[in-house]
């Protein structure tokens, strides 16, 4: 009975093939640690092992966006309070050492003390589907850019007669011409080998372009159905909205305020005051992809929205530099975006309504 009444906290050091779990009591005393496989059966065994020590209050998990994603999803489905734990910094590891049990106990202590209080993304809804498609699209865009850069580099160093034939063509005609090339001689000949290489690169570019078009066709209705109000904001398109949704996750209420969302996006200024100097500096942390999305919105509004140009001009007259004024603008946009994310259909449909 005493064991059942005891309150305990768990911690998990996550890896690809195994997770190492540890459990501590309410005073931080180490009770036990054990290793489990990263399988559905292993997740069930890990939770059963933890609850045997008493009333499980919460579990601190490292890497909830990577190795610990599946475990975190399972624990949340079982009603367990999951806390996201950062990996120990270098100073801590130098003083305490590095091992799976050490890291697991450190995760449990961080969850117990409140030092780690971040709520992980649920990764179980429409936004997770958008993220998966965006990962594929991003890699395809990167590979396509690499292909066209390699093609242009080959043309730059190609034999003179081949280079002269291709150098003045537009990108579209260049790709079509290279894709139709047919090497006719021995590939030991640099001209014929270059033709073969150009044909493969051009066809790779065309295939990747088709793949990107298919992904765009799949993403557009999904993003529109997930957050139509977000898309209605000036300067927000499908890909910008997809990135902002991915940053917030399927449970944006884990971000307790619009200030927290701004900090996550790296647009919350960092205090840098000392003595009589009162100033803030650029925040280089946060999700840089989300920061880029907000910057894209700001640039679009500066081009098309008179109110935004007026705002920027007023901030410049107040003595701010252009980068400082842009940071203020991005902070304002983050506030707008947060409100739309919180009220998005995929999020509000599961909320209880007032009687």
Protein backbone atom coordinates (compact mmCIF):
# COMPACT_ATOMS: atom_id res chain seq x y z
CA UNK A 1 0.00 0.00 0.00
CA UNK A 2 2.89 2.35 0.80
CA UNK A 3 4.38 1.73 -2.64
CA UNK A 4 1.09 2.46 -4.38
CA UNK A 5 0.70 5.74 -2.47
CA UNK A 6 4.26 6.86 -3.25
CA UNK A 7 4.55 9.52 -5.97
CA UNK A 8 7.25 8.85 -8.53
CA UNK A 9 8.69 10.52 -11.62
CA UNK A 10 10.17 8.77 -14.62
CA UNK A 11 12.95 9.76 -16.99
CA UNK A 12 13.90 8.22 -20.34
CA UNK A 13 17.14 8.47 -22.31
CA UNK A 14 16.08 7.62 -25.87
CA UNK A 15 18.03 5.84 -28.63
CA UNK A 16 17.29 4.21 -31.96
CA UNK A 17 17.01 0.59 -30.80
CA UNK A 18 16.58 0.89 -27.02
CA UNK A 19 15.31 3.34 -24.41
CA UNK A 20 16.80 3.52 -20.93
CA UNK A 21 14.27 4.43 -18.23
CA UNK A 22 14.82 5.52 -14.65
CA UNK A 23 12.46 6.28 -11.78
CA UNK A 24 12.87 8.54 -8.73
CA UNK A 25 10.64 9.36 -5.77
CA UNK A 26 9.26 12.77 -4.74
CA UNK A 27 12.52 13.60 -2.93
CA UNK A 28 14.66 12.83 -5.97
CA UNK A 29 16.03 9.56 -4.61
CA UNK A 30 17.00 7.05 -7.27
CA UNK A 31 14.83 3.93 -7.18
CA UNK A 32 15.75 1.89 -10.25
CA UNK A 33 16.68 2.01 -13.93
CA UNK A 34 16.19 -0.42 -16.80
CA UNK A 35 16.54 -0.73 -20.57
CA UNK A 36 13.63 -1.46 -22.95
CA UNK A 37 13.41 -2.10 -26.72
CA UNK A 38 11.87 0.55 -28.99
CA UNK A 39 8.85 -1.54 -29.98
CA UNK A 40 5.14 -1.33 -29.06
CA UNK A 41 5.68 -4.20 -26.61
CA UNK A 42 8.71 -2.41 -25.19
CA UNK A 43 6.70 0.79 -24.66
CA UNK A 44 4.01 -1.14 -22.79
CA UNK A 45 6.62 -2.89 -20.66
CA UNK A 46 8.33 0.44 -19.87
CA UNK A 47 5.08 2.04 -18.66
CA UNK A 48 4.10 -1.05 -16.65
CA UNK A 49 7.52 -1.05 -15.00
CA UNK A 50 7.27 2.64 -14.06
CA UNK A 51 3.80 2.42 -12.50
CA UNK A 52 4.88 -0.52 -10.33
CA UNK A 53 6.93 1.90 -8.22
CA UNK A 54 3.98 4.07 -7.24
CA UNK A 55 1.75 6.84 -8.55
CA UNK A 56 3.42 8.05 -11.74
CA UNK A 57 3.10 11.84 -11.90
CA UNK A 58 5.06 12.59 -15.05
CA UNK A 59 7.77 11.26 -17.35
CA UNK A 60 10.65 13.33 -18.72
CA UNK A 61 11.64 12.15 -22.20
CA UNK A 62 14.67 13.23 -24.21
CA UNK A 63 14.26 13.76 -27.92
CA UNK A 64 10.46 13.80 -28.21
CA UNK A 65 10.86 15.03 -31.79
CA UNK A 66 13.26 12.26 -32.80
CA UNK A 67 14.06 8.93 -31.07
CA UNK A 68 11.48 9.57 -28.36
CA UNK A 69 8.58 10.54 -30.67
CA UNK A 70 6.86 7.13 -30.69
CA UNK A 71 7.30 6.60 -26.95
CA UNK A 72 5.99 10.09 -26.20
CA UNK A 73 2.96 9.47 -28.41
CA UNK A 74 2.22 6.18 -26.62
CA UNK A 75 2.57 7.63 -23.11
CA UNK A 76 0.26 10.53 -23.95
CA UNK A 77 -2.32 8.11 -25.34
CA UNK A 78 -2.25 6.35 -21.95
CA UNK A 79 -2.93 9.60 -20.11
CA UNK A 80 0.62 10.10 -18.82
CA UNK A 81 1.94 13.64 -18.43
CA UNK A 82 5.00 13.80 -20.71
CA UNK A 83 7.63 16.53 -20.36
CA UNK A 84 10.22 17.33 -23.03
CA UNK A 85 13.76 17.25 -21.63
CA UNK A 86 16.80 18.83 -23.27
CA UNK A 87 19.99 16.81 -23.38
CA UNK A 88 22.50 17.74 -20.64
CA UNK A 89 24.95 20.46 -21.63
CA UNK A 90 28.70 19.84 -21.91
CA UNK A 91 29.47 21.31 -18.49
CA UNK A 92 27.04 18.93 -16.77
CA UNK A 93 28.41 15.95 -18.67
CA UNK A 94 31.99 16.85 -17.76
CA UNK A 95 31.13 16.91 -14.06
CA UNK A 96 28.68 13.99 -13.91
CA UNK A 97 29.88 11.78 -16.73
CA UNK A 98 27.90 10.23 -19.56
CA UNK A 99 25.96 6.96 -19.56
CA UNK A 100 22.42 5.86 -20.27
CA UNK A 101 21.44 5.51 -16.57
CA UNK A 102 23.00 8.91 -15.75
CA UNK A 103 21.06 10.59 -18.56
CA UNK A 104 17.81 8.82 -17.62
CA UNK A 105 18.07 9.91 -13.98
CA UNK A 106 18.94 13.44 -15.13
CA UNK A 107 15.79 13.50 -17.26
CA UNK A 108 13.69 12.37 -14.30
CA UNK A 109 15.22 15.03 -12.02
CA UNK A 110 14.61 17.73 -14.63
CA UNK A 111 10.94 16.72 -14.85
CA UNK A 112 10.56 16.53 -11.07
CA UNK A 113 12.19 19.90 -10.35
CA UNK A 114 10.26 21.74 -13.04
CA UNK A 115 13.45 22.72 -14.87
CA UNK A 116 12.01 20.83 -17.83
CA UNK A 117 8.40 21.82 -18.38
CA UNK A 118 7.98 21.85 -22.16
CA UNK A 119 4.99 19.99 -23.56
CA UNK A 120 5.98 17.93 -26.63
CA UNK A 121 4.09 17.99 -29.90
CA UNK A 122 1.36 15.36 -30.00
CA UNK A 123 2.24 14.33 -33.60
CA UNK A 124 -1.08 12.57 -34.11
CA UNK A 125 -3.16 14.78 -36.39
CA UNK A 126 -3.37 16.69 -39.64
CA UNK A 127 -0.32 18.83 -38.92
CA UNK A 128 1.84 15.71 -38.60
CA UNK A 129 0.57 14.63 -42.03
CA UNK A 130 1.55 18.06 -43.42
CA UNK A 131 4.99 17.77 -41.83
CA UNK A 132 5.63 14.38 -43.42
CA UNK A 133 4.75 15.68 -46.89
CA UNK A 134 6.83 18.83 -46.38
CA UNK A 135 9.88 16.78 -45.43
CA UNK A 136 9.65 14.99 -48.78
CA UNK A 137 9.05 18.22 -50.70
CA UNK A 138 11.96 19.99 -49.05
CA UNK A 139 14.38 17.21 -49.96
CA UNK A 140 13.06 17.17 -53.54
CA UNK A 141 13.56 20.94 -53.89
CA UNK A 142 17.08 20.64 -52.51
CA UNK A 143 17.94 17.80 -54.89
CA UNK A 144 16.48 19.70 -57.86
CA UNK A 145 18.57 22.77 -57.04
CA UNK A 146 21.64 20.58 -56.78
CA UNK A 147 20.86 18.99 -60.15
CA UNK A 148 20.54 22.29 -62.04
CA UNK A 149 23.69 23.65 -60.38
CA UNK A 150 25.65 20.57 -61.42
CA UNK A 151 24.26 20.79 -64.95
CA UNK A 152 25.33 24.44 -65.29
CA UNK A 153 28.77 23.62 -63.88
CA UNK A 154 29.21 20.84 -66.44
CA UNK A 155 28.27 23.19 -69.26
CA UNK A 156 30.77 25.75 -67.97
CA UNK A 157 33.62 23.22 -68.28
CA UNK A 158 32.26 21.35 -71.34
CA UNK A 159 34.15 21.12 -74.64
CA UNK A 160 33.90 24.36 -76.61
CA UNK A 161 31.49 23.13 -79.33
CA UNK A 162 29.02 21.72 -76.79
CA UNK A 163 29.26 24.77 -74.57
CA UNK A 164 28.62 27.08 -77.51
CA UNK A 165 25.50 25.09 -78.40
CA UNK A 166 23.99 25.42 -74.90
CA UNK A 167 25.32 28.61 -73.32
CA UNK A 168 22.64 31.07 -74.54
CA UNK A 169 19.53 28.90 -73.92
CA UNK A 170 16.94 29.77 -71.30
CA UNK A 171 16.64 27.38 -68.36
CA UNK A 172 13.52 25.66 -69.75
CA UNK A 173 14.97 25.18 -73.23
CA UNK A 174 18.31 24.13 -71.76
CA UNK A 175 16.68 21.35 -69.75
CA UNK A 176 14.62 20.15 -72.71
CA UNK A 177 17.67 20.15 -74.99
CA UNK A 178 19.87 18.29 -72.53
CA UNK A 179 17.13 15.74 -71.76
CA UNK A 180 16.96 14.85 -75.50
CA UNK A 181 20.70 14.46 -75.97
CA UNK A 182 21.84 11.09 -77.34
CA UNK A 183 25.53 10.20 -76.99
CA UNK A 184 26.56 8.55 -80.25
CA UNK A 185 30.20 7.64 -79.68
CA UNK A 186 32.55 6.13 -77.15
CA UNK A 187 32.01 7.46 -73.62
CA UNK A 188 35.77 7.76 -73.35
CA UNK A 189 35.28 10.86 -75.52
CA UNK A 190 34.71 13.88 -73.20
CA UNK A 191 32.02 15.29 -75.51
CA UNK A 192 29.96 12.10 -75.45
CA UNK A 193 30.46 11.58 -71.71
CA UNK A 194 29.37 15.16 -71.02
CA UNK A 195 26.25 14.67 -73.15
CA UNK A 196 25.36 11.54 -71.21
CA UNK A 197 25.87 13.35 -67.90
CA UNK A 198 23.81 16.37 -69.01
CA UNK A 199 20.96 14.13 -70.17
CA UNK A 200 20.78 12.36 -66.81
CA UNK A 201 20.90 15.59 -64.83
CA UNK A 202 18.21 17.22 -66.98
CA UNK A 203 15.91 14.20 -66.68
CA UNK A 204 16.52 14.09 -62.93
CA UNK A 205 15.51 17.76 -62.72
CA UNK A 206 12.34 17.07 -64.70
CA UNK A 207 11.41 14.09 -62.54
CA UNK A 208 11.95 16.08 -59.36
CA UNK A 209 9.88 18.96 -60.73
CA UNK A 210 7.01 16.55 -61.38
CA UNK A 211 7.36 15.13 -57.88
CA UNK A 212 7.24 18.63 -56.39
CA UNK A 213 4.10 19.46 -58.40
CA UNK A 214 2.41 16.30 -57.10
CA UNK A 215 3.36 17.17 -53.52
CA UNK A 216 2.05 20.72 -53.95
CA UNK A 217 -1.25 19.30 -55.18
CA UNK A 218 -1.45 17.09 -52.08
CA UNK A 219 -0.43 19.80 -49.62
CA UNK A 220 -2.71 22.60 -50.84
CA UNK A 221 -6.09 21.07 -49.84
CA UNK A 222 -4.65 19.63 -46.63
CA UNK A 223 -3.25 22.98 -45.43
CA UNK A 224 -6.42 24.80 -46.53
CA UNK A 225 -8.64 22.44 -44.56
CA UNK A 226 -6.37 22.58 -41.51
CA UNK A 227 -6.02 26.37 -41.12
CA UNK A 228 -8.16 28.43 -43.57
CA UNK A 229 -8.00 31.54 -41.35
CA UNK A 230 -4.20 31.42 -41.34
CA UNK A 231 -4.16 31.35 -45.14
CA UNK A 232 -6.45 34.39 -45.17
CA UNK A 233 -3.75 36.53 -43.57
CA UNK A 234 -1.90 38.83 -46.01
CA UNK A 235 1.36 37.34 -47.22
CA UNK A 236 0.59 33.78 -46.08
CA UNK A 237 0.66 31.10 -48.76
CA UNK A 238 0.49 27.32 -48.67
CA UNK A 239 4.14 26.70 -47.88
CA UNK A 240 4.45 29.49 -45.31
CA UNK A 241 1.29 28.27 -43.58
CA UNK A 242 2.55 24.68 -43.70
CA UNK A 243 5.79 25.67 -41.97
CA UNK A 244 4.03 27.67 -39.25
CA UNK A 245 1.59 24.82 -38.62
CA UNK A 246 4.49 22.37 -38.38
CA UNK A 247 6.29 24.60 -35.89
CA UNK A 248 3.23 24.86 -33.63
CA UNK A 249 2.24 21.19 -33.98
CA UNK A 250 -1.14 19.50 -33.62
CA UNK A 251 -1.45 20.90 -30.08
CA UNK A 252 -0.58 24.62 -30.33
CA UNK A 253 -2.08 25.20 -26.89
CA UNK A 254 1.17 23.73 -25.51
CA UNK A 255 2.47 27.25 -26.27
CA UNK A 256 0.87 29.09 -23.35
CA UNK A 257 0.97 32.56 -24.96
CA UNK A 258 1.76 34.43 -28.16
CA UNK A 259 5.01 35.52 -26.48
CA UNK A 260 6.01 31.86 -26.18
CA UNK A 261 5.23 31.33 -29.87
CA UNK A 262 7.32 34.39 -30.78
CA UNK A 263 10.19 33.00 -28.73
CA UNK A 264 9.85 29.64 -30.46
CA UNK A 265 10.09 31.42 -33.84
CA UNK A 266 13.13 33.43 -32.75
CA UNK A 267 11.43 36.83 -33.05
CA UNK A 268 11.22 37.68 -29.33
CA UNK A 269 14.02 40.17 -28.57
CA UNK A 270 16.59 39.13 -25.98
CA UNK A 271 17.39 41.63 -23.17
CA UNK A 272 21.00 42.86 -23.41
CA UNK A 273 21.00 45.67 -20.85
CA UNK A 274 23.82 46.58 -18.50
CA UNK A 275 24.21 49.57 -16.20
CA UNK A 276 22.73 52.64 -17.88
CA UNK A 277 22.41 50.86 -21.20
CA UNK A 278 18.91 49.55 -21.89
CA UNK A 279 18.67 47.58 -25.11
CA UNK A 280 17.65 44.29 -26.70
CA UNK A 281 19.54 42.14 -29.17
CA UNK A 282 18.65 39.81 -32.02
CA UNK A 283 17.36 36.39 -30.97
CA UNK A 284 19.31 33.79 -32.96
CA UNK A 285 17.55 30.84 -31.35
CA UNK A 286 14.22 29.21 -32.02
CA UNK A 287 12.96 27.47 -35.13
CA UNK A 288 14.84 29.15 -37.96
CA UNK A 289 12.47 27.77 -40.60
CA UNK A 290 9.56 29.45 -38.78
CA UNK A 291 11.62 32.64 -38.56
CA UNK A 292 12.13 32.48 -42.32
CA UNK A 293 8.38 32.01 -42.83
CA UNK A 294 7.62 35.13 -40.78
CA UNK A 295 10.29 37.04 -42.72
CA UNK A 296 8.64 35.98 -45.98
CA UNK A 297 5.30 37.33 -44.75
CA UNK A 298 6.97 40.61 -43.76
CA UNK A 299 8.60 41.04 -47.18
CA UNK A 300 5.34 40.28 -48.97
CA UNK A 301 3.43 42.80 -46.88
CA UNK A 302 6.06 45.47 -47.40
CA UNK A 303 5.53 45.05 -51.11
CA UNK A 304 1.73 44.87 -51.25
CA UNK A 305 0.29 46.22 -47.98
CA UNK A 306 0.29 50.05 -47.47
CA UNK A 307 -0.36 49.66 -43.73
CA UNK A 308 2.83 47.65 -43.31
CA UNK A 309 4.90 50.25 -45.18
CA UNK A 310 3.40 52.96 -42.98
CA UNK A 311 4.24 50.97 -39.84
CA UNK A 312 7.85 50.42 -40.93
CA UNK A 313 8.26 54.12 -41.82
CA UNK A 314 6.90 55.15 -38.40
CA UNK A 315 9.30 52.83 -36.59
CA UNK A 316 12.21 54.22 -38.62
CA UNK A 317 11.20 57.76 -37.64
CA UNK A 318 11.32 56.67 -34.00
CA UNK A 319 15.03 56.03 -34.45
CA UNK A 320 15.09 52.29 -35.17
CA UNK A 321 17.35 50.89 -37.85
CA UNK A 322 15.73 48.93 -40.66
CA UNK A 323 16.74 45.51 -39.20
CA UNK A 324 15.34 46.57 -35.81
CA UNK A 325 12.10 47.76 -37.40
CA UNK A 326 11.82 44.49 -39.33
CA UNK A 327 12.22 42.54 -36.08
CA UNK A 328 9.39 44.57 -34.56
CA UNK A 329 7.25 43.83 -37.62
CA UNK A 330 7.97 40.09 -37.42
CA UNK A 331 7.07 40.13 -33.71
CA UNK A 332 3.72 41.74 -34.59
CA UNK A 333 3.11 39.15 -37.33
CA UNK A 334 3.88 36.34 -34.85
CA UNK A 335 1.08 37.66 -32.63
CA UNK A 336 -1.37 37.54 -35.56
CA UNK A 337 -0.28 34.06 -36.59
CA UNK A 338 -0.56 32.66 -33.06
CA UNK A 339 -4.20 33.74 -32.77
CA UNK A 340 -5.06 32.01 -36.03
CA UNK A 341 -3.23 28.83 -35.02
CA UNK A 342 -5.06 28.62 -31.69
CA UNK A 343 -8.41 29.02 -33.48
CA UNK A 344 -7.61 26.68 -36.37
CA UNK A 345 -10.35 24.08 -37.11
CA UNK A 346 -8.04 21.10 -36.47
CA UNK A 347 -7.41 22.47 -32.97
CA UNK A 348 -10.80 23.83 -31.91
CA UNK A 349 -12.89 20.89 -33.08
CA UNK A 350 -11.74 18.78 -30.12
CA UNK A 351 -12.23 21.49 -27.51
CA UNK A 352 -15.24 21.17 -25.20
CA UNK A 353 -17.90 23.81 -25.78
CA UNK A 354 -19.49 25.80 -23.00
CA UNK A 355 -22.88 24.57 -21.84
